[in-house]
N, C-alpha and C. Protein backbone atom coordinates (compact mmCIF):
# COMPACT_ATOMS: atom_id res chain seq x y z
N UNK A 1 161.53 -48.19 -39.26
CA UNK A 1 162.25 -49.32 -39.74
C UNK A 1 163.61 -48.77 -40.79
N UNK A 2 164.76 -49.13 -40.50
CA UNK A 2 165.71 -48.87 -41.45
C UNK A 2 166.36 -49.96 -42.10
N UNK A 3 166.63 -50.27 -43.29
CA UNK A 3 166.95 -51.10 -44.19
C UNK A 3 167.91 -50.61 -45.18
N UNK A 4 169.11 -51.06 -45.32
CA UNK A 4 169.92 -50.68 -46.56
C UNK A 4 170.04 -51.35 -47.81
N UNK A 5 169.66 -52.39 -47.60
CA UNK A 5 170.19 -53.60 -48.65
C UNK A 5 169.07 -53.49 -49.64
N UNK A 6 168.93 -54.83 -50.50
CA UNK A 6 168.13 -54.76 -51.78
C UNK A 6 166.59 -54.93 -51.26
N UNK A 7 165.76 -54.15 -52.15
CA UNK A 7 164.33 -54.37 -51.37
C UNK A 7 163.62 -55.47 -52.66
N UNK A 8 163.61 -56.88 -52.31
CA UNK A 8 162.88 -57.51 -52.88
C UNK A 8 161.58 -57.62 -52.98
N UNK A 9 161.09 -58.54 -53.94
CA UNK A 9 159.89 -58.60 -53.83
C UNK A 9 159.11 -59.71 -52.58
N UNK A 10 159.77 -60.68 -51.83
CA UNK A 10 159.74 -61.36 -51.11
C UNK A 10 159.82 -60.34 -49.81
N UNK A 11 160.76 -59.54 -49.99
CA UNK A 11 160.52 -58.58 -48.74
C UNK A 11 159.21 -57.61 -48.50
N UNK A 12 159.26 -57.09 -49.63
CA UNK A 12 157.59 -56.52 -49.46
C UNK A 12 156.41 -57.35 -49.08
N UNK A 13 156.64 -58.57 -49.63
CA UNK A 13 155.44 -59.39 -49.33
C UNK A 13 155.51 -59.83 -47.48
N UNK A 14 156.88 -59.66 -47.20
CA UNK A 14 157.00 -59.93 -45.72
C UNK A 14 156.32 -58.69 -44.63
N UNK A 15 157.01 -57.81 -45.26
CA UNK A 15 156.40 -56.44 -44.59
C UNK A 15 154.90 -56.68 -44.56
N UNK A 16 154.50 -56.72 -45.76
CA UNK A 16 152.54 -56.75 -45.96
C UNK A 16 152.51 -57.49 -44.86
N UNK A 17 152.65 -58.63 -45.14
CA UNK A 17 152.07 -59.68 -44.24
C UNK A 17 152.21 -59.40 -42.63
N UNK A 18 153.43 -58.65 -42.48
CA UNK A 18 153.39 -58.10 -40.66
C UNK A 18 152.73 -57.24 -40.66
N UNK A 19 152.32 -56.34 -41.37
CA UNK A 19 151.46 -54.91 -41.22
C UNK A 19 150.03 -55.64 -41.01
N UNK A 20 149.63 -56.33 -41.88
CA UNK A 20 148.18 -57.12 -41.88
C UNK A 20 148.23 -57.60 -40.37
N UNK A 21 149.01 -58.36 -39.61
CA UNK A 21 149.19 -59.09 -38.29
C UNK A 21 148.71 -57.64 -37.56
N UNK A 22 149.82 -56.82 -37.46
CA UNK A 22 149.81 -55.81 -36.31
C UNK A 22 148.08 -55.22 -36.79
N UNK A 23 147.86 -55.09 -37.56
CA UNK A 23 146.62 -54.00 -37.72
C UNK A 23 145.40 -55.02 -37.42
N UNK A 24 145.61 -56.46 -37.48
CA UNK A 24 144.87 -57.80 -37.02
C UNK A 24 144.53 -57.82 -35.63
N UNK A 25 145.58 -57.68 -34.80
CA UNK A 25 146.05 -57.56 -33.24
C UNK A 25 145.11 -56.68 -32.89
N UNK A 26 145.73 -54.91 -33.27
CA UNK A 26 145.14 -53.92 -32.82
C UNK A 26 143.45 -53.60 -33.40
N UNK A 27 143.11 -54.76 -33.88
CA UNK A 27 141.80 -54.14 -34.36
C UNK A 27 141.54 -53.19 -35.35
N UNK A 28 142.48 -52.90 -35.83
CA UNK A 28 142.45 -51.28 -36.23
C UNK A 28 142.22 -50.73 -37.91
N UNK A 29 141.52 -52.21 -38.24
CA UNK A 29 140.58 -52.28 -39.79
C UNK A 29 139.54 -51.71 -39.74
N UNK A 30 138.81 -50.82 -40.15
CA UNK A 30 137.40 -49.80 -40.35
C UNK A 30 136.71 -50.47 -40.75
N UNK A 31 136.93 -51.75 -41.80
CA UNK A 31 136.26 -52.77 -42.56
C UNK A 31 135.83 -53.81 -41.93
N UNK A 32 136.50 -54.12 -40.63
CA UNK A 32 136.41 -55.68 -39.93
C UNK A 32 135.33 -54.94 -38.67
N UNK A 33 134.29 -55.56 -38.56
CA UNK A 33 133.39 -55.64 -37.17
C UNK A 33 133.30 -56.97 -36.70
N UNK A 34 133.56 -56.66 -35.35
CA UNK A 34 133.08 -58.24 -34.50
C UNK A 34 131.92 -59.00 -34.44
N UNK A 35 130.74 -58.06 -34.94
CA UNK A 35 129.18 -58.61 -35.35
C UNK A 35 128.66 -58.32 -36.43
N UNK A 36 127.88 -59.29 -36.86
CA UNK A 36 127.05 -59.40 -38.26
C UNK A 36 126.17 -58.00 -38.13
N UNK A 37 125.92 -57.38 -39.12
CA UNK A 37 125.06 -56.31 -39.15
C UNK A 37 123.48 -57.17 -39.11
N UNK A 38 122.65 -56.58 -38.30
CA UNK A 38 121.34 -57.09 -38.19
C UNK A 38 120.46 -56.13 -38.66
N UNK A 39 119.77 -56.67 -39.93
CA UNK A 39 118.75 -55.41 -40.40
C UNK A 39 117.18 -55.77 -39.80
N UNK A 40 117.17 -56.65 -38.83
CA UNK A 40 116.38 -56.86 -38.42
C UNK A 40 115.66 -56.20 -36.88
N UNK A 41 116.84 -55.72 -36.46
CA UNK A 41 117.00 -54.96 -34.99
C UNK A 41 116.88 -53.38 -35.17
N UNK A 42 115.97 -52.85 -34.36
CA UNK A 42 115.75 -51.33 -34.71
C UNK A 42 116.78 -50.88 -34.84
N UNK A 43 117.05 -49.47 -35.34
CA UNK A 43 117.88 -48.59 -35.61
C UNK A 43 119.10 -49.50 -36.26
N UNK A 44 119.12 -50.86 -36.85
CA UNK A 44 120.45 -51.30 -36.96
C UNK A 44 120.10 -51.40 -38.36
N UNK A 45 119.07 -51.09 -39.48
CA UNK A 45 119.08 -51.28 -40.92
C UNK A 45 120.01 -50.55 -41.32
N UNK A 46 120.58 -50.85 -42.00
CA UNK A 46 121.62 -50.35 -43.28
C UNK A 46 121.00 -49.45 -43.90
N UNK A 47 121.92 -48.04 -44.39
CA UNK A 47 120.87 -47.02 -44.97
C UNK A 47 121.47 -47.03 -46.16
N UNK A 48 121.26 -46.25 -47.35
CA UNK A 48 121.36 -45.83 -48.51
C UNK A 48 123.05 -45.31 -48.45
N UNK A 49 123.72 -46.25 -49.38
CA UNK A 49 125.12 -45.93 -49.40
C UNK A 49 125.95 -46.83 -48.40
N UNK A 50 125.56 -47.19 -47.32
CA UNK A 50 126.69 -48.00 -46.69
C UNK A 50 127.02 -48.87 -47.44
N UNK A 51 128.69 -49.49 -47.07
CA UNK A 51 129.43 -50.26 -47.35
C UNK A 51 129.23 -51.83 -46.57
N UNK A 52 128.98 -52.66 -47.33
CA UNK A 52 128.70 -54.10 -46.50
C UNK A 52 129.92 -54.79 -47.20
N UNK A 53 130.20 -55.89 -46.00
CA UNK A 53 131.41 -56.88 -46.19
C UNK A 53 130.62 -58.30 -46.53
N UNK A 54 131.20 -58.79 -47.30
CA UNK A 54 130.56 -60.35 -47.43
C UNK A 54 131.15 -61.30 -46.36
N UNK A 55 130.12 -62.03 -45.61
CA UNK A 55 130.53 -62.73 -44.85
C UNK A 55 131.41 -64.06 -44.78
N UNK A 56 131.13 -64.59 -45.92
CA UNK A 56 131.57 -65.95 -46.67
C UNK A 56 131.42 -66.03 -48.23
N UNK A 57 132.57 -66.81 -48.74
CA UNK A 57 132.71 -67.20 -49.90
C UNK A 57 131.54 -67.57 -50.70
N UNK A 58 130.66 -68.18 -50.15
CA UNK A 58 129.63 -68.87 -51.30
C UNK A 58 128.84 -68.15 -51.63
N UNK A 59 128.63 -66.96 -51.02
CA UNK A 59 127.97 -65.87 -51.72
C UNK A 59 128.18 -65.44 -53.22
N UNK A 60 127.41 -65.07 -54.08
CA UNK A 60 127.94 -64.70 -55.10
C UNK A 60 128.06 -63.55 -55.77
N UNK A 61 128.06 -62.47 -54.47
CA UNK A 61 128.47 -61.33 -54.75
C UNK A 61 130.07 -60.69 -54.53
N UNK A 62 130.60 -59.51 -55.02
CA UNK A 62 131.88 -59.08 -54.61
C UNK A 62 131.60 -59.23 -52.65
N UNK A 63 132.92 -58.77 -52.58
CA UNK A 63 133.08 -58.91 -51.36
C UNK A 63 132.33 -57.72 -50.50
N UNK A 64 132.64 -56.54 -51.30
CA UNK A 64 132.02 -55.25 -50.88
C UNK A 64 131.13 -55.17 -52.14
N UNK A 65 129.98 -54.43 -51.43
CA UNK A 65 128.88 -54.06 -51.85
C UNK A 65 128.52 -52.90 -51.07
N UNK A 66 127.27 -52.01 -52.04
CA UNK A 66 127.08 -50.72 -51.39
C UNK A 66 125.39 -51.18 -51.79
N UNK A 67 124.60 -50.90 -50.09
CA UNK A 67 123.41 -50.78 -50.49
C UNK A 67 122.68 -49.43 -50.65
N UNK A 68 122.07 -49.63 -51.58
CA UNK A 68 121.52 -48.61 -52.39
C UNK A 68 120.05 -48.28 -52.50
N UNK A 69 118.87 -49.37 -51.85
CA UNK A 69 117.84 -49.23 -51.79
C UNK A 69 117.37 -50.15 -50.41
N UNK A 70 116.23 -49.71 -50.15
CA UNK A 70 115.54 -50.84 -49.03
C UNK A 70 113.80 -50.62 -49.58
N UNK A 71 113.67 -51.71 -50.00
CA UNK A 71 112.18 -52.01 -50.20
C UNK A 71 111.00 -52.88 -49.50
N UNK A 72 110.06 -51.96 -49.10
CA UNK A 72 108.95 -52.58 -48.11
C UNK A 72 108.11 -53.64 -48.66
N UNK A 73 108.23 -54.79 -48.63
CA UNK A 73 106.88 -55.47 -49.07
C UNK A 73 105.80 -55.37 -48.08
N UNK A 74 104.51 -54.57 -48.97
CA UNK A 74 103.46 -53.93 -48.48
C UNK A 74 102.66 -55.26 -47.73
N UNK A 75 102.84 -56.27 -47.97
CA UNK A 75 102.02 -57.73 -47.37
C UNK A 75 102.33 -58.13 -46.13
N UNK A 76 103.56 -58.04 -46.40
CA UNK A 76 104.34 -59.21 -45.27
C UNK A 76 105.15 -58.30 -44.39
N UNK A 77 105.44 -56.78 -44.69
CA UNK A 77 106.08 -55.75 -44.12
C UNK A 77 107.70 -56.52 -43.97
N UNK A 78 107.99 -57.49 -45.05
CA UNK A 78 109.48 -57.61 -44.84
C UNK A 78 110.22 -56.44 -45.76
N UNK A 79 111.42 -56.55 -45.38
CA UNK A 79 112.30 -55.47 -46.30
C UNK A 79 113.44 -56.25 -47.36
N UNK A 80 113.67 -55.92 -48.69
CA UNK A 80 114.24 -56.19 -49.67
C UNK A 80 115.41 -55.20 -49.29
N UNK A 81 116.61 -55.33 -50.16
CA UNK A 81 117.44 -54.66 -49.90
C UNK A 81 118.55 -54.97 -51.41
N UNK A 82 118.59 -53.67 -52.37
CA UNK A 82 119.13 -53.84 -53.21
C UNK A 82 120.46 -53.45 -53.16
N UNK A 83 121.32 -54.37 -53.79
CA UNK A 83 122.86 -54.29 -53.48
C UNK A 83 123.66 -53.90 -54.77
N UNK A 84 124.58 -53.23 -55.13
CA UNK A 84 125.39 -53.41 -56.14
C UNK A 84 126.91 -53.24 -55.75
N UNK A 85 127.45 -53.71 -56.48
CA UNK A 85 129.19 -53.74 -56.49
C UNK A 85 129.66 -52.51 -56.42
N UNK A 86 130.86 -52.35 -55.74
CA UNK A 86 131.46 -50.71 -55.89
C UNK A 86 131.78 -49.95 -57.51
N UNK A 87 131.63 -50.97 -58.63
CA UNK A 87 131.71 -50.19 -59.87
C UNK A 87 130.68 -50.08 -60.65
N UNK A 88 129.42 -50.32 -59.69
CA UNK A 88 128.20 -50.62 -60.10
C UNK A 88 127.48 -50.92 -61.55
N UNK A 89 128.31 -51.86 -61.61
CA UNK A 89 128.21 -52.99 -62.72
C UNK A 89 127.44 -54.25 -62.49
N UNK A 90 127.09 -55.04 -61.25
CA UNK A 90 126.59 -55.79 -60.81
C UNK A 90 125.76 -55.52 -60.04
N UNK A 91 124.26 -56.09 -59.66
CA UNK A 91 123.36 -55.86 -59.01
C UNK A 91 122.48 -57.27 -58.27
N UNK A 92 122.23 -56.85 -57.12
CA UNK A 92 121.47 -58.16 -56.37
C UNK A 92 120.74 -57.82 -55.46
N UNK A 93 119.95 -58.57 -55.08
CA UNK A 93 118.42 -58.18 -54.29
C UNK A 93 118.35 -59.05 -52.88
N UNK A 94 118.41 -58.85 -51.83
CA UNK A 94 118.34 -59.66 -50.61
C UNK A 94 117.27 -59.31 -49.80
N UNK A 95 116.83 -60.34 -49.25
CA UNK A 95 115.85 -60.35 -48.50
C UNK A 95 116.35 -60.04 -47.13
N UNK A 96 115.99 -59.53 -45.68
CA UNK A 96 116.29 -59.09 -44.81
C UNK A 96 117.07 -59.86 -43.87
N UNK A 97 116.45 -61.17 -44.01
CA UNK A 97 117.25 -62.24 -43.25
C UNK A 97 118.34 -62.99 -43.88
N UNK A 98 118.23 -62.65 -45.48
CA UNK A 98 119.48 -63.51 -45.98
C UNK A 98 120.70 -62.40 -45.77
N UNK A 99 120.26 -60.91 -45.81
CA UNK A 99 120.99 -59.81 -45.78
C UNK A 99 122.11 -60.10 -44.31
N UNK A 100 121.18 -60.22 -43.45
CA UNK A 100 121.50 -60.14 -42.16
C UNK A 100 122.94 -61.65 -42.07
N UNK A 101 122.30 -62.96 -42.39
CA UNK A 101 123.43 -63.79 -42.52
C UNK A 101 124.49 -63.81 -43.43
N UNK A 102 124.47 -62.57 -44.32
CA UNK A 102 125.70 -62.64 -45.73
C UNK A 102 126.36 -61.76 -45.27
N UNK A 103 126.27 -60.64 -44.30
CA UNK A 103 126.99 -59.59 -44.74
C UNK A 103 127.39 -59.05 -43.13
N UNK A 104 128.32 -57.92 -43.04
CA UNK A 104 128.47 -56.85 -41.70
C UNK A 104 128.89 -55.92 -42.50
N UNK A 105 128.39 -55.04 -41.63
CA UNK A 105 128.83 -53.60 -41.86
C UNK A 105 129.87 -53.15 -42.10
N UNK A 106 130.59 -52.30 -42.79
CA UNK A 106 132.10 -51.84 -42.45
C UNK A 106 132.30 -50.69 -41.85
N UNK A 107 131.08 -49.64 -41.71
CA UNK A 107 130.94 -48.50 -41.24
C UNK A 107 131.20 -47.52 -42.33
N UNK A 108 131.62 -47.71 -43.26
CA UNK A 108 131.87 -46.77 -44.69
C UNK A 108 130.75 -46.42 -45.36
N UNK A 109 130.40 -45.22 -45.73
CA UNK A 109 129.25 -44.82 -46.27
C UNK A 109 129.80 -44.07 -47.79
N UNK A 110 129.41 -44.29 -48.75
CA UNK A 110 129.50 -43.63 -50.05
C UNK A 110 128.55 -42.25 -50.42
N UNK A 111 129.26 -41.52 -50.50
CA UNK A 111 128.88 -40.23 -51.04
C UNK A 111 128.83 -39.52 -52.24
N UNK A 112 129.38 -40.74 -53.21
CA UNK A 112 130.09 -40.58 -54.56
C UNK A 112 128.89 -40.78 -55.36
N UNK A 113 129.33 -41.32 -56.57
CA UNK A 113 127.97 -41.56 -57.53
C UNK A 113 128.25 -43.24 -57.73
N UNK A 114 129.54 -43.47 -57.57
CA UNK A 114 130.04 -44.83 -57.48
C UNK A 114 131.19 -45.01 -56.30
N UNK A 115 131.10 -46.11 -55.32
CA UNK A 115 132.21 -46.31 -54.21
C UNK A 115 133.34 -46.14 -54.55
N UNK A 116 133.91 -46.63 -55.58
CA UNK A 116 135.08 -46.54 -56.06
C UNK A 116 135.77 -45.13 -56.18
N UNK A 117 135.19 -44.03 -56.22
CA UNK A 117 134.95 -42.92 -56.82
C UNK A 117 135.78 -42.23 -55.06
N UNK A 118 135.22 -42.68 -53.90
CA UNK A 118 135.81 -42.24 -52.60
C UNK A 118 137.13 -42.97 -52.48
N UNK A 119 138.08 -42.36 -52.09
CA UNK A 119 139.29 -42.98 -51.60
C UNK A 119 139.68 -44.24 -50.84
N UNK A 120 138.53 -43.48 -49.61
CA UNK A 120 138.67 -44.42 -48.48
C UNK A 120 138.30 -46.04 -49.04
N UNK A 121 136.95 -45.88 -49.55
CA UNK A 121 136.41 -47.22 -50.17
C UNK A 121 137.31 -47.88 -51.30
N UNK A 122 137.69 -46.91 -51.92
CA UNK A 122 138.62 -47.43 -53.45
C UNK A 122 139.53 -48.22 -52.64
N UNK A 123 140.28 -47.57 -51.70
CA UNK A 123 141.08 -48.72 -50.93
C UNK A 123 141.39 -49.70 -50.70
N UNK A 124 139.70 -50.01 -49.92
CA UNK A 124 139.62 -51.12 -49.48
C UNK A 124 139.20 -52.33 -50.89
N UNK A 125 138.42 -51.58 -51.35
CA UNK A 125 138.02 -52.46 -52.66
C UNK A 125 139.39 -52.84 -53.32
N UNK A 126 140.52 -52.03 -53.86
CA UNK A 126 141.67 -52.55 -54.31
C UNK A 126 142.47 -53.66 -53.69
N UNK A 127 142.17 -53.82 -52.12
CA UNK A 127 142.79 -54.67 -51.29
C UNK A 127 141.78 -56.29 -51.17
N UNK A 128 140.82 -56.07 -51.72
CA UNK A 128 140.11 -57.28 -51.37
C UNK A 128 139.48 -57.45 -52.94
N UNK A 129 139.64 -57.00 -53.83
CA UNK A 129 138.80 -57.10 -55.09
C UNK A 129 138.95 -58.69 -55.70
N UNK A 130 140.06 -59.05 -55.21
CA UNK A 130 140.24 -60.66 -55.89
C UNK A 130 140.42 -61.39 -54.91
N UNK A 131 139.62 -61.19 -54.01
CA UNK A 131 139.51 -62.29 -52.84
C UNK A 131 137.85 -62.93 -53.37
């Protein structure tokens, strides 16, 4: 795109909106998946370090969370999942059915001490942290 005029905030916002629109039509967002994460199906349980996307705003977590630990209840065979925000300052624990209802898989996996230290995860986090 060639443009020789003044670059304004409104123009910047318009370009950003068009970019999002194209990415959504092309399904080119790595952090958007068409189906929910289902930890109850074999082979679909999240692994430690996986980054999950909060499905709805009614939940009390950040938009992105890292699954850091799977805990198995020996009496009932149910799983509990320990989640942290990408900066590792807030912690939550979810039952497997609640996790299935509230989160999607992003396809991102954290290999760093904190997810925000990974460039790809930090880019997504910075884009959604205020939402």
